[in-house]
Amino acid sequence: QVRLAESGGGSAQSGGSLRLSCVASIPPTLPYGYTSLCLGWFRPGPGGQREAVATSNADGTTLYADSVKGRFTISRDNAVNTLYLQMNNLKPADSAMYYCAAAGCPYTRRVGFGRNRFGVWGQGTHVTVSS
């Protein structure tokens, strides 16, 4: 079972920046490696369910929620099994618990933007943005 550990949350002023990190531990029994994972950052939406903020597919494509386009950047360093979310121009509405998630994508190489395909989740890291 892949394990995910997030870090980097904290407090920021409106207009400020934070960078979240998510390190993946890959068990040796997994038949594929980190590069075959589709990864994403999620946060609770208005209804309380986790919604995608940004995703990074195994084929290199990235997707963003409209609310964060132009402000957030998702990236991954496959050499150290780490996913990042650079958050700039933060707004109070960005305050939330942010979760890292993973899905095995050894064949399809990409998944949709919804949460249902992601089966592994981290514990979350909290972000608070004050006005």
N, C-alpha and C. Protein backbone atom coordinates (compact mmCIF):
# COMPACT_ATOMS: atom_id res chain seq x y z
N GLN A 1 0.84 -1.20 0.00
CA GLN A 1 0.00 0.00 0.00
C GLN A 1 0.88 1.25 0.00
N VAL A 2 0.63 2.11 -0.96
CA VAL A 2 1.33 3.40 -0.99
C VAL A 2 0.90 4.21 0.22
N ARG A 3 1.84 4.92 0.81
CA ARG A 3 1.53 5.82 1.91
C ARG A 3 1.95 7.22 1.53
N LEU A 4 1.14 8.19 1.97
CA LEU A 4 1.37 9.58 1.63
C LEU A 4 1.49 10.41 2.89
N ALA A 5 2.43 11.34 2.91
CA ALA A 5 2.61 12.20 4.07
C ALA A 5 2.76 13.64 3.60
N GLU A 6 1.79 14.47 4.00
CA GLU A 6 1.80 15.87 3.61
C GLU A 6 2.52 16.73 4.64
N SER A 7 3.03 17.85 4.18
CA SER A 7 3.63 18.84 5.06
C SER A 7 3.56 20.19 4.37
N GLY A 8 3.87 21.23 5.12
CA GLY A 8 3.95 22.56 4.52
C GLY A 8 2.77 23.46 4.79
N GLY A 9 1.74 22.94 5.43
CA GLY A 9 0.61 23.79 5.76
C GLY A 9 0.97 24.79 6.83
N GLY A 10 0.10 25.72 7.06
CA GLY A 10 0.34 26.73 8.08
C GLY A 10 -0.53 27.94 7.84
N SER A 11 -0.08 29.07 8.32
CA SER A 11 -0.84 30.30 8.21
C SER A 11 -0.16 31.27 7.26
N ALA A 12 -0.98 32.03 6.56
CA ALA A 12 -0.46 33.05 5.65
C ALA A 12 -1.46 34.20 5.60
N GLN A 13 -0.95 35.34 5.22
CA GLN A 13 -1.81 36.50 5.00
C GLN A 13 -2.40 36.40 3.59
N SER A 14 -3.51 37.06 3.41
CA SER A 14 -4.10 37.15 2.08
C SER A 14 -3.08 37.75 1.12
N GLY A 15 -2.91 37.11 -0.02
CA GLY A 15 -1.91 37.53 -0.98
C GLY A 15 -0.57 36.84 -0.81
N GLY A 16 -0.43 36.10 0.26
CA GLY A 16 0.82 35.41 0.54
C GLY A 16 0.93 34.07 -0.17
N SER A 17 1.96 33.34 0.19
CA SER A 17 2.25 32.06 -0.47
C SER A 17 2.57 30.98 0.54
N LEU A 18 2.28 29.76 0.15
CA LEU A 18 2.69 28.57 0.89
C LEU A 18 2.99 27.48 -0.13
N ARG A 19 3.85 26.54 0.25
CA ARG A 19 4.11 25.39 -0.60
C ARG A 19 3.87 24.12 0.21
N LEU A 20 3.00 23.30 -0.29
CA LEU A 20 2.71 22.01 0.32
C LEU A 20 3.55 20.93 -0.35
N SER A 21 3.93 19.95 0.45
CA SER A 21 4.68 18.80 -0.06
C SER A 21 3.98 17.51 0.33
N CYS A 22 4.13 16.50 -0.48
CA CYS A 22 3.54 15.20 -0.19
C CYS A 22 4.55 14.13 -0.63
N VAL A 23 5.09 13.44 0.35
CA VAL A 23 6.07 12.39 0.07
C VAL A 23 5.36 11.04 0.04
N ALA A 24 5.63 10.27 -0.99
CA ALA A 24 5.02 8.96 -1.14
C ALA A 24 6.02 7.86 -0.77
N SER A 25 5.54 6.93 0.02
CA SER A 25 6.33 5.72 0.32
C SER A 25 5.77 4.59 -0.53
N ILE A 26 6.62 4.01 -1.36
CA ILE A 26 6.19 2.98 -2.30
C ILE A 26 6.67 1.62 -1.79
N PRO A 27 5.77 0.70 -1.50
CA PRO A 27 6.22 -0.61 -1.03
C PRO A 27 6.93 -1.39 -2.14
N PRO A 28 7.93 -2.19 -1.80
CA PRO A 28 8.66 -2.93 -2.83
C PRO A 28 7.80 -3.94 -3.57
N THR A 29 6.66 -4.29 -2.98
CA THR A 29 5.78 -5.26 -3.62
C THR A 29 4.90 -4.64 -4.70
N LEU A 30 4.85 -3.32 -4.77
CA LEU A 30 4.03 -2.67 -5.79
C LEU A 30 4.63 -2.94 -7.17
N PRO A 31 3.83 -3.39 -8.12
CA PRO A 31 4.38 -3.76 -9.43
C PRO A 31 4.76 -2.58 -10.32
N TYR A 32 4.58 -1.36 -9.84
CA TYR A 32 4.97 -0.19 -10.62
C TYR A 32 5.49 0.87 -9.66
N GLY A 33 6.13 1.89 -10.19
CA GLY A 33 6.76 2.89 -9.35
C GLY A 33 6.01 4.21 -9.29
N TYR A 34 6.67 5.18 -8.68
CA TYR A 34 6.07 6.50 -8.46
C TYR A 34 5.64 7.15 -9.77
N THR A 35 6.41 6.95 -10.81
CA THR A 35 6.09 7.60 -12.08
C THR A 35 4.79 7.09 -12.69
N SER A 36 4.28 5.99 -12.22
CA SER A 36 3.01 5.46 -12.71
C SER A 36 1.85 5.80 -11.79
N LEU A 37 2.06 6.72 -10.88
CA LEU A 37 0.99 7.19 -10.03
C LEU A 37 0.38 8.47 -10.60
N CYS A 38 -0.93 8.56 -10.56
CA CYS A 38 -1.62 9.81 -10.77
C CYS A 38 -1.84 10.41 -9.38
N LEU A 39 -1.54 11.68 -9.23
CA LEU A 39 -1.54 12.31 -7.91
C LEU A 39 -2.39 13.56 -7.92
N GLY A 40 -2.86 13.94 -6.76
CA GLY A 40 -3.67 15.13 -6.70
C GLY A 40 -3.70 15.75 -5.32
N TRP A 41 -4.07 17.00 -5.31
CA TRP A 41 -4.35 17.73 -4.08
C TRP A 41 -5.85 18.01 -4.02
N PHE A 42 -6.43 17.78 -2.86
CA PHE A 42 -7.85 17.94 -2.67
C PHE A 42 -8.12 18.77 -1.42
N ARG A 43 -9.28 19.37 -1.37
CA ARG A 43 -9.72 20.05 -0.15
C ARG A 43 -11.24 19.94 -0.10
N PRO A 44 -11.84 20.09 1.06
CA PRO A 44 -13.29 19.98 1.16
C PRO A 44 -13.97 21.11 0.41
N GLY A 45 -15.04 20.74 -0.31
CA GLY A 45 -15.83 21.74 -1.00
C GLY A 45 -16.96 22.24 -0.12
N PRO A 46 -17.84 23.06 -0.67
CA PRO A 46 -18.95 23.62 0.10
C PRO A 46 -19.84 22.55 0.74
N GLY A 47 -19.95 21.41 0.10
CA GLY A 47 -20.76 20.34 0.66
C GLY A 47 -20.02 19.45 1.63
N GLY A 48 -18.75 19.73 1.84
CA GLY A 48 -17.96 18.95 2.79
C GLY A 48 -17.17 17.82 2.18
N GLN A 49 -17.49 17.44 0.94
CA GLN A 49 -16.73 16.36 0.32
C GLN A 49 -15.48 16.91 -0.33
N ARG A 50 -14.47 16.08 -0.39
CA ARG A 50 -13.19 16.52 -0.94
C ARG A 50 -13.32 16.74 -2.44
N GLU A 51 -12.83 17.88 -2.86
CA GLU A 51 -12.85 18.24 -4.27
C GLU A 51 -11.42 18.47 -4.75
N ALA A 52 -11.19 18.16 -6.01
CA ALA A 52 -9.86 18.31 -6.55
C ALA A 52 -9.48 19.77 -6.67
N VAL A 53 -8.28 20.07 -6.23
CA VAL A 53 -7.69 21.40 -6.42
C VAL A 53 -6.79 21.37 -7.63
N ALA A 54 -5.96 20.35 -7.71
CA ALA A 54 -5.04 20.18 -8.83
C ALA A 54 -4.62 18.72 -8.89
N THR A 55 -4.42 18.23 -10.10
CA THR A 55 -3.98 16.85 -10.28
C THR A 55 -2.79 16.79 -11.23
N SER A 56 -1.97 15.79 -11.01
CA SER A 56 -0.79 15.55 -11.84
C SER A 56 -0.85 14.11 -12.32
N ASN A 57 -1.07 13.94 -13.61
CA ASN A 57 -1.21 12.60 -14.15
C ASN A 57 0.14 11.97 -14.48
N ALA A 58 0.14 10.67 -14.61
CA ALA A 58 1.37 9.95 -14.92
C ALA A 58 1.89 10.30 -16.32
N ASP A 59 1.01 10.78 -17.19
CA ASP A 59 1.45 11.15 -18.54
C ASP A 59 1.98 12.58 -18.60
N GLY A 60 2.07 13.25 -17.44
CA GLY A 60 2.64 14.58 -17.39
C GLY A 60 1.63 15.72 -17.45
N THR A 61 0.38 15.40 -17.72
CA THR A 61 -0.62 16.45 -17.79
C THR A 61 -1.04 16.88 -16.38
N THR A 62 -1.48 18.12 -16.28
CA THR A 62 -1.96 18.65 -15.02
C THR A 62 -3.32 19.32 -15.23
N LEU A 63 -4.12 19.30 -14.20
CA LEU A 63 -5.44 19.93 -14.25
C LEU A 63 -5.63 20.75 -12.99
N TYR A 64 -6.42 21.82 -13.11
CA TYR A 64 -6.65 22.71 -11.99
C TYR A 64 -8.13 23.05 -11.86
N ALA A 65 -8.55 23.24 -10.64
CA ALA A 65 -9.88 23.79 -10.41
C ALA A 65 -9.89 25.24 -10.87
N ASP A 66 -11.00 25.70 -11.38
CA ASP A 66 -11.09 27.08 -11.87
C ASP A 66 -10.72 28.09 -10.78
N SER A 67 -11.05 27.77 -9.56
CA SER A 67 -10.83 28.72 -8.46
C SER A 67 -9.36 28.95 -8.15
N VAL A 68 -8.48 28.07 -8.63
CA VAL A 68 -7.05 28.22 -8.30
C VAL A 68 -6.18 28.42 -9.53
N LYS A 69 -6.78 28.39 -10.72
CA LYS A 69 -5.99 28.57 -11.94
C LYS A 69 -5.28 29.91 -11.91
N GLY A 70 -4.02 29.88 -12.27
CA GLY A 70 -3.22 31.10 -12.28
C GLY A 70 -2.61 31.44 -10.94
N ARG A 71 -3.03 30.76 -9.88
CA ARG A 71 -2.49 31.04 -8.55
C ARG A 71 -1.73 29.84 -7.98
N PHE A 72 -2.21 28.64 -8.25
CA PHE A 72 -1.59 27.42 -7.72
C PHE A 72 -0.87 26.68 -8.84
N THR A 73 0.22 26.03 -8.47
CA THR A 73 0.97 25.21 -9.42
C THR A 73 1.27 23.86 -8.78
N ILE A 74 0.87 22.80 -9.46
CA ILE A 74 1.19 21.46 -8.99
C ILE A 74 2.41 20.96 -9.75
N SER A 75 3.29 20.29 -9.03
CA SER A 75 4.47 19.74 -9.68
C SER A 75 4.90 18.49 -8.91
N ARG A 76 5.76 17.71 -9.53
CA ARG A 76 6.21 16.49 -8.88
C ARG A 76 7.68 16.29 -9.18
N ASP A 77 8.39 15.76 -8.21
CA ASP A 77 9.78 15.39 -8.39
C ASP A 77 9.84 13.88 -8.27
N ASN A 78 9.88 13.22 -9.40
CA ASN A 78 9.84 11.76 -9.41
C ASN A 78 11.10 11.14 -8.78
N ALA A 79 12.17 11.90 -8.72
CA ALA A 79 13.42 11.36 -8.15
C ALA A 79 13.31 11.17 -6.64
N VAL A 80 12.45 11.95 -6.01
CA VAL A 80 12.32 11.86 -4.55
C VAL A 80 10.88 11.56 -4.14
N ASN A 81 10.09 11.07 -5.09
CA ASN A 81 8.71 10.65 -4.79
C ASN A 81 7.90 11.72 -4.08
N THR A 82 8.01 12.95 -4.55
CA THR A 82 7.36 14.06 -3.86
C THR A 82 6.50 14.88 -4.81
N LEU A 83 5.32 15.19 -4.33
CA LEU A 83 4.37 16.05 -5.04
C LEU A 83 4.31 17.38 -4.31
N TYR A 84 4.21 18.46 -5.06
CA TYR A 84 4.17 19.79 -4.48
C TYR A 84 2.91 20.53 -4.93
N LEU A 85 2.53 21.51 -4.10
CA LEU A 85 1.51 22.45 -4.52
C LEU A 85 1.98 23.83 -4.08
N GLN A 86 2.40 24.62 -5.05
CA GLN A 86 2.80 25.99 -4.78
C GLN A 86 1.57 26.85 -4.84
N MET A 87 1.26 27.51 -3.75
CA MET A 87 0.05 28.32 -3.65
C MET A 87 0.45 29.78 -3.50
N ASN A 88 0.13 30.57 -4.50
CA ASN A 88 0.43 32.00 -4.48
C ASN A 88 -0.85 32.81 -4.45
N ASN A 89 -0.72 34.07 -4.09
CA ASN A 89 -1.87 34.97 -4.02
C ASN A 89 -3.02 34.30 -3.27
N LEU A 90 -2.71 33.81 -2.10
CA LEU A 90 -3.70 33.09 -1.31
C LEU A 90 -4.85 33.99 -0.91
N LYS A 91 -6.02 33.38 -0.80
CA LYS A 91 -7.22 34.08 -0.38
C LYS A 91 -7.80 33.38 0.85
N PRO A 92 -8.55 34.10 1.66
CA PRO A 92 -9.18 33.44 2.81
C PRO A 92 -10.01 32.22 2.42
N ALA A 93 -10.60 32.25 1.23
CA ALA A 93 -11.39 31.10 0.77
C ALA A 93 -10.54 29.86 0.53
N ASP A 94 -9.23 30.02 0.48
CA ASP A 94 -8.35 28.86 0.30
C ASP A 94 -8.09 28.13 1.62
N SER A 95 -8.53 28.70 2.72
CA SER A 95 -8.34 28.06 4.03
C SER A 95 -9.07 26.73 4.05
N ALA A 96 -8.33 25.69 4.37
CA ALA A 96 -8.92 24.34 4.37
C ALA A 96 -7.86 23.34 4.79
N MET A 97 -8.31 22.11 5.01
CA MET A 97 -7.39 21.00 5.12
C MET A 97 -7.12 20.51 3.71
N TYR A 98 -5.85 20.38 3.38
CA TYR A 98 -5.46 19.91 2.05
C TYR A 98 -4.94 18.48 2.14
N TYR A 99 -5.48 17.66 1.26
CA TYR A 99 -5.13 16.25 1.25
C TYR A 99 -4.42 15.89 -0.05
N CYS A 100 -3.40 15.10 0.07
CA CYS A 100 -2.72 14.51 -1.07
C CYS A 100 -3.35 13.14 -1.34
N ALA A 101 -3.49 12.80 -2.61
CA ALA A 101 -4.11 11.52 -2.96
C ALA A 101 -3.38 10.90 -4.15
N ALA A 102 -3.47 9.58 -4.22
CA ALA A 102 -2.78 8.85 -5.29
C ALA A 102 -3.69 7.79 -5.89
N ALA A 103 -3.47 7.54 -7.16
CA ALA A 103 -4.15 6.47 -7.88
C ALA A 103 -3.13 5.79 -8.78
N GLY A 104 -3.19 4.46 -8.85
CA GLY A 104 -2.29 3.75 -9.74
C GLY A 104 -2.70 3.98 -11.18
N CYS A 105 -1.80 4.41 -12.01
CA CYS A 105 -2.07 4.68 -13.42
C CYS A 105 -1.01 4.05 -14.32
N PRO A 106 -0.70 2.77 -14.13
CA PRO A 106 0.36 2.17 -14.94
C PRO A 106 -0.01 1.99 -16.41
N TYR A 107 -1.30 1.95 -16.71
CA TYR A 107 -1.73 1.70 -18.09
C TYR A 107 -2.46 2.91 -18.67
N THR A 108 -3.45 3.45 -17.96
CA THR A 108 -4.23 4.56 -18.50
C THR A 108 -3.45 5.86 -18.50
N ARG A 109 -2.51 5.98 -17.54
CA ARG A 109 -1.59 7.12 -17.42
C ARG A 109 -2.27 8.42 -17.01
N ARG A 110 -3.60 8.45 -16.92
CA ARG A 110 -4.28 9.63 -16.43
C ARG A 110 -5.64 9.23 -15.87
N VAL A 111 -6.14 10.09 -14.97
CA VAL A 111 -7.47 9.87 -14.41
C VAL A 111 -8.26 11.15 -14.52
N GLY A 112 -9.56 11.03 -14.27
CA GLY A 112 -10.41 12.21 -14.28
C GLY A 112 -10.14 13.09 -13.08
N PHE A 113 -10.83 14.21 -13.02
CA PHE A 113 -10.57 15.21 -12.01
C PHE A 113 -11.29 14.93 -10.70
N GLY A 114 -12.17 13.96 -10.68
CA GLY A 114 -12.91 13.66 -9.48
C GLY A 114 -12.11 12.84 -8.49
N ARG A 115 -12.65 12.72 -7.29
CA ARG A 115 -11.94 12.05 -6.21
C ARG A 115 -12.11 10.54 -6.23
N ASN A 116 -13.12 10.03 -6.94
CA ASN A 116 -13.47 8.61 -6.82
C ASN A 116 -12.38 7.67 -7.28
N ARG A 117 -11.56 8.09 -8.22
CA ARG A 117 -10.53 7.21 -8.74
C ARG A 117 -9.33 7.12 -7.80
N PHE A 118 -9.22 8.06 -6.86
CA PHE A 118 -8.06 8.09 -5.98
C PHE A 118 -8.34 7.24 -4.75
N GLY A 119 -7.50 6.23 -4.55
CA GLY A 119 -7.75 5.27 -3.47
C GLY A 119 -6.85 5.40 -2.26
N VAL A 120 -5.79 6.20 -2.39
CA VAL A 120 -4.85 6.36 -1.28
C VAL A 120 -4.83 7.83 -0.89
N TRP A 121 -4.93 8.08 0.41
CA TRP A 121 -5.02 9.46 0.89
C TRP A 121 -4.04 9.68 2.04
N GLY A 122 -3.52 10.89 2.09
CA GLY A 122 -2.73 11.29 3.24
C GLY A 122 -3.61 11.78 4.37
N GLN A 123 -2.99 12.18 5.45
CA GLN A 123 -3.73 12.64 6.63
C GLN A 123 -4.14 14.10 6.51
N GLY A 124 -3.54 14.82 5.63
CA GLY A 124 -3.91 16.22 5.42
C GLY A 124 -3.00 17.19 6.13
N THR A 125 -2.96 18.39 5.59
CA THR A 125 -2.21 19.48 6.21
C THR A 125 -3.08 20.72 6.12
N HIS A 126 -3.13 21.47 7.22
CA HIS A 126 -4.09 22.57 7.30
C HIS A 126 -3.49 23.88 6.82
N VAL A 127 -4.28 24.61 6.07
CA VAL A 127 -3.89 25.93 5.57
C VAL A 127 -4.91 26.95 6.07
N THR A 128 -4.40 28.01 6.65
CA THR A 128 -5.25 29.10 7.11
C THR A 128 -4.76 30.40 6.50
N VAL A 129 -5.66 31.10 5.83
CA VAL A 129 -5.32 32.37 5.20
C VAL A 129 -6.17 33.45 5.85
N SER A 130 -5.51 34.43 6.39
CA SER A 130 -6.21 35.52 7.05
C SER A 130 -6.22 36.77 6.18
N SER A 131 -7.27 37.53 6.30
CA SER A 131 -7.42 38.74 5.47
C SER A 131 -6.71 39.93 6.10
